[in-house]
Amino acid sequence: MSKLFHTSRQTIRENANFIVLFKQDLKDINHVYNDNDMLKDEFRNLCKEAWKKPHIFVVIDLTSDISNGKYSKGLDEFYISV
């Protein structure tokens, strides 16, 4: 993941619709969080819960709204922020 951050954030934002995150360290989670619209603790908890299961990842759909499936654990468990 660290190589991703050597690319400008603007380039990533302009060219990505989905971000798939496998288990990351806290530094990289914070980098991803800084570009999103969820509360930091809520985002960390989403990641922590998802990564408890083997082979599960967090998906951020940049084309969706936070209340309409923007975040999911894997491909089938949507997370709706309250």
C-alpha atoms as a PDB file:
ATOM      1  CA  MET A   1       0.000   0.000   0.000  1.00  0.00           C
ATOM      2  CA  SER A   2       2.796   2.427   0.710  1.00  0.00           C
ATOM      3  CA  LYS A   3       3.639   2.667  -3.008  1.00  0.00           C
ATOM      4  CA  LEU A   4       0.097   3.869  -3.622  1.00  0.00           C
ATOM      5  CA  PHE A   5       0.866   6.983  -1.605  1.00  0.00           C
ATOM      6  CA  HIS A   6       3.871   7.857  -3.752  1.00  0.00           C
ATOM      7  CA  THR A   7       1.316   8.632  -6.453  1.00  0.00           C
ATOM      8  CA  SER A   8      -0.430  11.961  -6.089  1.00  0.00           C
ATOM      9  CA  ARG A   9      -3.793  11.740  -4.347  1.00  0.00           C
ATOM     10  CA  GLN A  10      -5.352  13.809  -7.105  1.00  0.00           C
ATOM     11  CA  THR A  11      -4.315  11.208  -9.693  1.00  0.00           C
ATOM     12  CA  ILE A  12      -5.827   8.430  -7.596  1.00  0.00           C
ATOM     13  CA  ARG A  13      -9.085  10.325  -7.038  1.00  0.00           C
ATOM     14  CA  GLU A  14      -9.471  11.097 -10.725  1.00  0.00           C
ATOM     15  CA  ASN A  15      -8.863   7.528 -11.882  1.00  0.00           C
ATOM     16  CA  ALA A  16     -10.427   5.268  -9.259  1.00  0.00           C
ATOM     17  CA  ASN A  17     -14.038   4.263  -8.716  1.00  0.00           C
ATOM     18  CA  PHE A  18     -13.397   1.509  -6.177  1.00  0.00           C
ATOM     19  CA  ILE A  19     -10.744   1.053  -3.538  1.00  0.00           C
ATOM     20  CA  VAL A  20     -10.216  -2.440  -2.145  1.00  0.00           C
ATOM     21  CA  LEU A  21      -8.317  -2.611   1.137  1.00  0.00           C
ATOM     22  CA  PHE A  22      -6.844  -5.751   2.547  1.00  0.00           C
ATOM     23  CA  LYS A  23      -5.369  -5.594   6.045  1.00  0.00           C
ATOM     24  CA  GLN A  24      -3.310  -2.418   6.490  1.00  0.00           C
ATOM     25  CA  ASP A  25      -1.295  -0.809   9.231  1.00  0.00           C
ATOM     26  CA  LEU A  26      -2.641   2.210  11.112  1.00  0.00           C
ATOM     27  CA  LYS A  27      -0.596   4.705   9.069  1.00  0.00           C
ATOM     28  CA  ASP A  28      -2.099   3.531   5.783  1.00  0.00           C
ATOM     29  CA  ILE A  29      -5.605   3.347   7.260  1.00  0.00           C
ATOM     30  CA  ASN A  30      -5.232   6.994   8.278  1.00  0.00           C
ATOM     31  CA  HIS A  31      -4.123   7.965   4.756  1.00  0.00           C
ATOM     32  CA  VAL A  32      -7.201   6.326   3.266  1.00  0.00           C
ATOM     33  CA  TYR A  33      -9.433   7.805   5.965  1.00  0.00           C
ATOM     34  CA  ASN A  34      -8.212  11.330   5.156  1.00  0.00           C
ATOM     35  CA  ASP A  35      -9.759  11.030   1.703  1.00  0.00           C
ATOM     36  CA  ASN A  36     -13.184   9.814   2.885  1.00  0.00           C
ATOM     37  CA  ASP A  37     -16.310  11.086   4.587  1.00  0.00           C
ATOM     38  CA  MET A  38     -16.641   8.738   7.568  1.00  0.00           C
ATOM     39  CA  LEU A  39     -15.637   9.521  11.154  1.00  0.00           C
ATOM     40  CA  LYS A  40     -12.107   8.281  11.857  1.00  0.00           C
ATOM     41  CA  ASP A  41     -13.059   5.905  14.690  1.00  0.00           C
ATOM     42  CA  GLU A  42     -15.966   4.550  12.671  1.00  0.00           C
ATOM     43  CA  PHE A  43     -13.697   3.883   9.671  1.00  0.00           C
ATOM     44  CA  ARG A  44     -11.043   2.201  11.846  1.00  0.00           C
ATOM     45  CA  ASN A  45     -13.714   0.007  13.459  1.00  0.00           C
ATOM     46  CA  LEU A  46     -15.113  -0.974  10.065  1.00  0.00           C
ATOM     47  CA  CYS A  47     -11.651  -2.061   8.941  1.00  0.00           C
ATOM     48  CA  LYS A  48     -10.863  -3.830  12.208  1.00  0.00           C
ATOM     49  CA  GLU A  49     -14.114  -5.815  12.139  1.00  0.00           C
ATOM     50  CA  ALA A  50     -13.750  -6.744   8.473  1.00  0.00           C
ATOM     51  CA  TRP A  51     -10.169  -7.933   8.840  1.00  0.00           C
ATOM     52  CA  LYS A  52     -11.011 -10.282  11.718  1.00  0.00           C
ATOM     53  CA  LYS A  53     -12.178 -12.762   9.075  1.00  0.00           C
ATOM     54  CA  PRO A  54      -9.575 -14.333   6.796  1.00  0.00           C
ATOM     55  CA  HIS A  55      -9.475 -13.084   3.199  1.00  0.00           C
ATOM     56  CA  ILE A  56     -11.999 -10.290   3.807  1.00  0.00           C
ATOM     57  CA  PHE A  57     -11.401  -6.789   2.528  1.00  0.00           C
ATOM     58  CA  VAL A  58     -13.002  -3.369   2.811  1.00  0.00           C
ATOM     59  CA  VAL A  59     -14.431  -1.839  -0.357  1.00  0.00           C
ATOM     60  CA  ILE A  60     -14.948   1.881  -0.838  1.00  0.00           C
ATOM     61  CA  ASP A  61     -17.207   2.663  -3.798  1.00  0.00           C
ATOM     62  CA  LEU A  62     -16.352   6.228  -4.729  1.00  0.00           C
ATOM     63  CA  THR A  63     -19.407   6.426  -7.005  1.00  0.00           C
ATOM     64  CA  SER A  64     -21.884   5.849  -4.139  1.00  0.00           C
ATOM     65  CA  ASP A  65     -23.097   7.958  -1.258  1.00  0.00           C
ATOM     66  CA  ILE A  66     -22.155   7.108   2.346  1.00  0.00           C
ATOM     67  CA  SER A  67     -25.804   6.214   3.077  1.00  0.00           C
ATOM     68  CA  ASN A  68     -26.187   4.092  -0.054  1.00  0.00           C
ATOM     69  CA  GLY A  69     -23.536   1.364  -0.126  1.00  0.00           C
ATOM     70  CA  LYS A  70     -20.320   3.340  -0.330  1.00  0.00           C
ATOM     71  CA  TYR A  71     -18.587   1.020   2.165  1.00  0.00           C
ATOM     72  CA  SER A  72     -18.703  -2.760   2.387  1.00  0.00           C
ATOM     73  CA  LYS A  73     -16.972  -5.692   4.007  1.00  0.00           C
ATOM     74  CA  GLY A  74     -16.154  -7.988   1.130  1.00  0.00           C
ATOM     75  CA  LEU A  75     -18.544  -7.745  -1.782  1.00  0.00           C
ATOM     76  CA  ASP A  76     -21.780  -8.611  -0.049  1.00  0.00           C
ATOM     77  CA  GLU A  77     -21.945  -7.006   3.408  1.00  0.00           C
ATOM     78  CA  PHE A  78     -22.709  -3.305   3.026  1.00  0.00           C
ATOM     79  CA  TYR A  79     -21.960  -0.896   5.841  1.00  0.00           C
ATOM     80  CA  ILE A  80     -24.367   1.989   6.288  1.00  0.00           C
ATOM     81  CA  SER A  81     -23.089   4.820   8.460  1.00  0.00           C
ATOM     82  CA  VAL A  82     -25.521   6.123  11.045  1.00  0.00           C
END
